[in-house]
Amino acid sequence: MDKIERYRQFIKQILSEHQQITSNTDTVKSQLILDSENDHYQLAYVGWQGDKRVFGPVMHFDIQNGKIWIQYNGTEESVAKRLVELGVPPCDIVIGFHSPFKRQFTSYAVE
């Protein structure tokens, strides 16, 4: 299995695990959005809580130029650390929700 395919599997694994621990209700569901053709991956909440609309991402990943971009992480887990534990080198992980200036101070890739 090539590197990109392994990265896709790691992302899907992390998102699926988080989907299992989220609490679905009759009116709010968690949705996995997996676009392997364009390498966009997301876990989101969709539904209604009473008369209030619930919609938003829990996690969002992209694969760009051979690197995993963590675009959003609304959980307490350090998904970058988890990716490293799965075998992704830090130089292939970009914390996309940090500014490029701030990324230089992490142990992960800037771009």
Protein backbone atom coordinates (compact mmCIF):
# COMPACT_ATOMS: atom_id res chain seq x y z
CA MET A 1 0.00 0.00 0.00
CA ASP A 2 1.42 3.39 -0.95
CA LYS A 3 1.85 6.29 1.47
CA ILE A 4 -1.24 8.25 0.41
CA GLU A 5 -3.49 5.22 0.67
CA ARG A 6 -2.14 4.51 4.17
CA TYR A 7 -2.83 8.14 5.13
CA ARG A 8 -6.39 7.81 3.85
CA GLN A 9 -6.87 4.70 5.97
CA PHE A 10 -5.46 6.39 9.08
CA ILE A 11 -7.77 9.40 8.65
CA LYS A 12 -10.81 7.18 8.10
CA GLN A 13 -9.88 5.16 11.19
CA ILE A 14 -9.63 8.26 13.40
CA LEU A 15 -12.89 9.72 12.08
CA SER A 16 -14.74 6.40 12.43
CA GLU A 17 -13.54 5.97 16.00
CA HIS A 18 -14.75 9.45 16.89
CA GLN A 19 -18.08 8.79 15.20
CA GLN A 20 -18.53 5.72 17.42
CA ILE A 21 -18.07 7.76 20.61
CA THR A 22 -20.31 10.67 19.57
CA SER A 23 -23.84 10.67 20.86
CA ASN A 24 -26.39 10.44 18.10
CA THR A 25 -29.92 11.46 19.01
CA ASP A 26 -33.13 11.03 17.07
CA THR A 27 -32.72 14.52 15.69
CA VAL A 28 -28.91 15.08 15.54
CA LYS A 29 -26.70 12.63 13.67
CA SER A 30 -22.98 12.42 13.09
CA GLN A 31 -21.99 12.10 9.45
CA LEU A 32 -18.76 10.84 7.94
CA ILE A 33 -17.93 12.71 4.74
CA LEU A 34 -15.23 10.81 2.85
CA ASP A 35 -14.07 12.20 -0.50
CA SER A 36 -11.15 9.99 -1.50
CA GLU A 37 -11.11 11.39 -5.03
CA ASN A 38 -10.29 14.92 -3.80
CA ASP A 39 -8.85 13.86 -0.43
CA HIS A 40 -11.27 15.73 1.87
CA TYR A 41 -12.45 13.97 5.03
CA GLN A 42 -14.81 15.22 7.71
CA LEU A 43 -16.93 14.20 10.66
CA ALA A 44 -19.87 16.57 11.18
CA TYR A 45 -23.06 16.93 13.20
CA VAL A 46 -26.29 17.53 11.31
CA GLY A 47 -29.83 17.91 12.61
CA TRP A 48 -32.10 19.83 14.93
CA GLN A 49 -32.21 20.31 18.69
CA GLY A 50 -35.69 21.58 19.33
CA ASP A 51 -36.02 24.62 17.09
CA LYS A 52 -32.26 25.16 16.84
CA ARG A 53 -30.32 23.97 13.77
CA VAL A 54 -27.25 21.88 14.57
CA PHE A 55 -24.63 21.74 11.84
CA GLY A 56 -20.90 21.81 12.10
CA PRO A 57 -17.66 19.93 11.75
CA VAL A 58 -16.11 17.87 14.52
CA MET A 59 -12.93 17.12 12.54
CA HIS A 60 -11.71 17.95 9.06
CA PHE A 61 -8.65 16.56 7.26
CA ASP A 62 -7.26 17.06 3.77
CA ILE A 63 -4.38 15.37 1.99
CA GLN A 64 -2.40 17.89 -0.05
CA ASN A 65 0.97 17.41 -1.71
CA GLY A 66 1.55 14.14 0.15
CA LYS A 67 0.84 15.61 3.59
CA ILE A 68 -2.06 15.34 5.99
CA TRP A 69 -3.55 18.74 6.76
CA ILE A 70 -5.55 18.91 9.98
CA GLN A 71 -7.96 21.69 9.02
CA TYR A 72 -10.12 21.49 12.12
CA ASN A 73 -10.15 19.49 15.35
CA GLY A 74 -13.10 20.11 17.64
CA THR A 75 -12.13 17.32 20.04
CA GLU A 76 -9.82 17.17 23.02
CA GLU A 77 -7.63 14.52 21.37
CA SER A 78 -4.37 15.55 19.77
CA VAL A 79 -5.01 13.99 16.38
CA ALA A 80 -1.54 15.01 15.20
CA LYS A 81 -0.03 12.95 18.01
CA ARG A 82 -2.36 10.09 17.14
CA LEU A 83 -1.25 10.21 13.49
CA VAL A 84 2.39 10.01 14.61
CA GLU A 85 1.52 6.99 16.77
CA LEU A 86 -0.01 5.36 13.68
CA GLY A 87 3.24 5.87 11.76
CA VAL A 88 2.92 9.25 10.02
CA PRO A 89 6.15 11.24 10.29
CA PRO A 90 5.67 14.73 11.80
CA CYS A 91 7.09 16.25 8.60
CA ASP A 92 3.97 14.93 6.78
CA ILE A 93 1.48 16.57 9.17
CA VAL A 94 0.38 20.20 8.85
CA ILE A 95 -1.69 21.87 11.56
CA GLY A 96 -3.80 23.80 9.06
CA PHE A 97 -5.85 25.65 11.66
CA HIS A 98 -2.68 27.40 12.87
CA SER A 99 -1.30 30.32 10.88
CA PRO A 100 1.85 29.59 8.83
CA PHE A 101 3.77 31.81 11.25
CA LYS A 102 2.65 29.77 14.25
CA ARG A 103 3.30 26.41 12.53
CA GLN A 104 7.06 27.05 12.50
CA PHE A 105 7.06 26.68 16.29
CA THR A 106 5.53 23.17 16.25
CA SER A 107 7.26 19.88 15.60
CA TYR A 108 5.10 19.44 12.49
CA ALA A 109 5.36 20.67 8.91
CA VAL A 110 4.80 24.32 8.01
CA GLU A 111 3.32 23.45 4.59
